[in-house]
Amino acid sequence: PVRCLLPVGPCCEPQEPICTMKDHRGERCLDYIWLSGAARLVRTLMLPYGEAHAGGEAGAAAGFSRIPNCQWPSDHLAIGAEVLLPMRHGDE
């Protein structure tokens, strides 16, 4: 089975962030990390607008300006995760 890991912060419970993209049309989450099998999430990269995530209030990233801008030159925020991959038999 494949499961979706959604970047939130230094935790091990994947949740969808409020946004990975913010422009004149609003905030939305368009970027995801997918894992399958025995791969285990260790932690995720904190997004620059703080710890607010889905389940929080709409507009929680309101203080974060539209992107791209001078500080964030891409139209998508970088997401990342540290993942523990199981060793296969014979790997050392």
C-alpha atoms as a PDB file:
ATOM      1  CA  PRO A   1       0.000   0.000   0.000  1.00  0.00           C
ATOM      2  CA  VAL A   2       1.125   3.532  -0.785  1.00  0.00           C
ATOM      3  CA  ARG A   3       0.583   6.265   1.769  1.00  0.00           C
ATOM      4  CA  CYS A   4       0.888   9.982   1.394  1.00  0.00           C
ATOM      5  CA  LEU A   5       3.237  11.916   3.660  1.00  0.00           C
ATOM      6  CA  LEU A   6       2.326  15.533   3.806  1.00  0.00           C
ATOM      7  CA  PRO A   7       4.964  17.989   5.013  1.00  0.00           C
ATOM      8  CA  VAL A   8       4.176  19.649   8.318  1.00  0.00           C
ATOM      9  CA  GLY A   9       7.031  20.010  10.749  1.00  0.00           C
ATOM     10  CA  PRO A  10       9.281  18.065  13.086  1.00  0.00           C
ATOM     11  CA  CYS A  11       6.718  15.396  13.891  1.00  0.00           C
ATOM     12  CA  CYS A  12       5.879  11.903  12.822  1.00  0.00           C
ATOM     13  CA  GLU A  13       2.177  12.353  12.139  1.00  0.00           C
ATOM     14  CA  PRO A  14       1.719  13.330   8.489  1.00  0.00           C
ATOM     15  CA  GLN A  15      -0.851  16.065   7.944  1.00  0.00           C
ATOM     16  CA  GLU A  16      -1.572  18.312   5.007  1.00  0.00           C
ATOM     17  CA  PRO A  17      -0.108  21.812   5.279  1.00  0.00           C
ATOM     18  CA  ILE A  18      -2.204  24.858   4.499  1.00  0.00           C
ATOM     19  CA  CYS A  19      -0.133  25.686   1.456  1.00  0.00           C
ATOM     20  CA  THR A  20       2.921  24.831  -0.596  1.00  0.00           C
ATOM     21  CA  MET A  21       1.950  27.498  -3.111  1.00  0.00           C
ATOM     22  CA  LYS A  22       0.476  30.968  -2.577  1.00  0.00           C
ATOM     23  CA  ASP A  23      -0.374  33.412  -5.342  1.00  0.00           C
ATOM     24  CA  HIS A  24      -3.078  35.877  -6.389  1.00  0.00           C
ATOM     25  CA  ARG A  25      -5.611  32.992  -6.428  1.00  0.00           C
ATOM     26  CA  GLY A  26      -4.938  32.052  -2.813  1.00  0.00           C
ATOM     27  CA  GLU A  27      -3.171  29.350  -0.808  1.00  0.00           C
ATOM     28  CA  ARG A  28      -3.163  25.703  -1.812  1.00  0.00           C
ATOM     29  CA  CYS A  29      -1.252  22.509  -1.212  1.00  0.00           C
ATOM     30  CA  LEU A  30       0.039  21.067  -4.476  1.00  0.00           C
ATOM     31  CA  ASP A  31       3.183  19.226  -3.373  1.00  0.00           C
ATOM     32  CA  TYR A  32       3.311  15.858  -1.629  1.00  0.00           C
ATOM     33  CA  ILE A  33       5.729  13.095  -0.618  1.00  0.00           C
ATOM     34  CA  TRP A  34       4.647   9.484  -1.131  1.00  0.00           C
ATOM     35  CA  LEU A  35       5.987   6.382   0.636  1.00  0.00           C
ATOM     36  CA  SER A  36       5.123   2.724   0.428  1.00  0.00           C
ATOM     37  CA  GLY A  37       6.054  -0.514   2.083  1.00  0.00           C
ATOM     38  CA  ALA A  38       8.096  -0.468   5.278  1.00  0.00           C
ATOM     39  CA  ALA A  39       9.551   3.013   4.736  1.00  0.00           C
ATOM     40  CA  ARG A  40       9.008   5.057   7.912  1.00  0.00           C
ATOM     41  CA  LEU A  41       8.704   8.813   8.327  1.00  0.00           C
ATOM     42  CA  VAL A  42      11.229  10.250  10.778  1.00  0.00           C
ATOM     43  CA  ARG A  43      10.509  13.976  10.397  1.00  0.00           C
ATOM     44  CA  THR A  44       9.444  16.554   7.847  1.00  0.00           C
ATOM     45  CA  LEU A  45      10.790  19.931   6.817  1.00  0.00           C
ATOM     46  CA  MET A  46       9.096  22.860   8.557  1.00  0.00           C
ATOM     47  CA  LEU A  47       7.379  25.230   6.163  1.00  0.00           C
ATOM     48  CA  PRO A  48       8.359  28.916   6.457  1.00  0.00           C
ATOM     49  CA  TYR A  49       4.959  30.195   7.588  1.00  0.00           C
ATOM     50  CA  GLY A  50       5.059  28.233  10.845  1.00  0.00           C
ATOM     51  CA  GLU A  51       3.386  25.236  12.353  1.00  0.00           C
ATOM     52  CA  ALA A  52      -0.136  25.918  11.106  1.00  0.00           C
ATOM     53  CA  HIS A  53      -1.542  23.015   9.125  1.00  0.00           C
ATOM     54  CA  ALA A  54      -4.822  21.617   7.902  1.00  0.00           C
ATOM     55  CA  GLY A  55      -7.328  21.411  10.648  1.00  0.00           C
ATOM     56  CA  GLY A  56      -6.176  24.876  11.654  1.00  0.00           C
ATOM     57  CA  GLU A  57      -7.956  28.028  10.672  1.00  0.00           C
ATOM     58  CA  ALA A  58      -8.277  29.053   7.040  1.00  0.00           C
ATOM     59  CA  GLY A  59      -5.876  31.870   6.232  1.00  0.00           C
ATOM     60  CA  ALA A  60      -3.365  30.810   8.907  1.00  0.00           C
ATOM     61  CA  ALA A  61      -0.616  31.467   6.349  1.00  0.00           C
ATOM     62  CA  ALA A  62      -2.013  34.958   5.736  1.00  0.00           C
ATOM     63  CA  GLY A  63       1.171  36.595   7.043  1.00  0.00           C
ATOM     64  CA  PHE A  64       3.207  34.686   4.476  1.00  0.00           C
ATOM     65  CA  SER A  65       3.382  36.724   1.275  1.00  0.00           C
ATOM     66  CA  ARG A  66       2.640  35.511  -2.228  1.00  0.00           C
ATOM     67  CA  ILE A  67       5.352  33.573  -3.973  1.00  0.00           C
ATOM     68  CA  PRO A  68       7.540  33.864  -5.931  1.00  0.00           C
ATOM     69  CA  ASN A  69       9.093  36.936  -4.333  1.00  0.00           C
ATOM     70  CA  CYS A  70      12.599  38.220  -3.467  1.00  0.00           C
ATOM     71  CA  GLN A  71      12.964  35.874  -0.491  1.00  0.00           C
ATOM     72  CA  TRP A  72      11.263  32.804  -2.031  1.00  0.00           C
ATOM     73  CA  PRO A  73      12.115  32.745  -5.766  1.00  0.00           C
ATOM     74  CA  SER A  74      10.048  29.664  -6.650  1.00  0.00           C
ATOM     75  CA  ASP A  75       6.274  29.494  -6.999  1.00  0.00           C
ATOM     76  CA  HIS A  76       6.307  26.334  -4.812  1.00  0.00           C
ATOM     77  CA  LEU A  77       7.755  25.942  -1.316  1.00  0.00           C
ATOM     78  CA  ALA A  78      10.384  23.255  -0.830  1.00  0.00           C
ATOM     79  CA  ILE A  79       9.129  20.205   0.997  1.00  0.00           C
ATOM     80  CA  GLY A  80      11.249  17.452   2.441  1.00  0.00           C
ATOM     81  CA  ALA A  81      11.254  14.465   4.722  1.00  0.00           C
ATOM     82  CA  GLU A  82      13.740  12.267   6.487  1.00  0.00           C
ATOM     83  CA  VAL A  83      12.722   8.681   5.798  1.00  0.00           C
ATOM     84  CA  LEU A  84      14.008   5.478   7.351  1.00  0.00           C
ATOM     85  CA  LEU A  85      14.317   2.751   4.728  1.00  0.00           C
ATOM     86  CA  PRO A  86      14.492  -0.860   5.909  1.00  0.00           C
ATOM     87  CA  MET A  87      17.631  -2.845   5.179  1.00  0.00           C
ATOM     88  CA  ARG A  88      17.280  -5.745   2.792  1.00  0.00           C
ATOM     89  CA  HIS A  89      18.633  -9.128   3.747  1.00  0.00           C
ATOM     90  CA  GLY A  90      22.370  -9.129   2.982  1.00  0.00           C
ATOM     91  CA  ASP A  91      22.746  -5.303   3.034  1.00  0.00           C
ATOM     92  CA  GLU A  92      25.290  -3.937   5.489  1.00  0.00           C
END
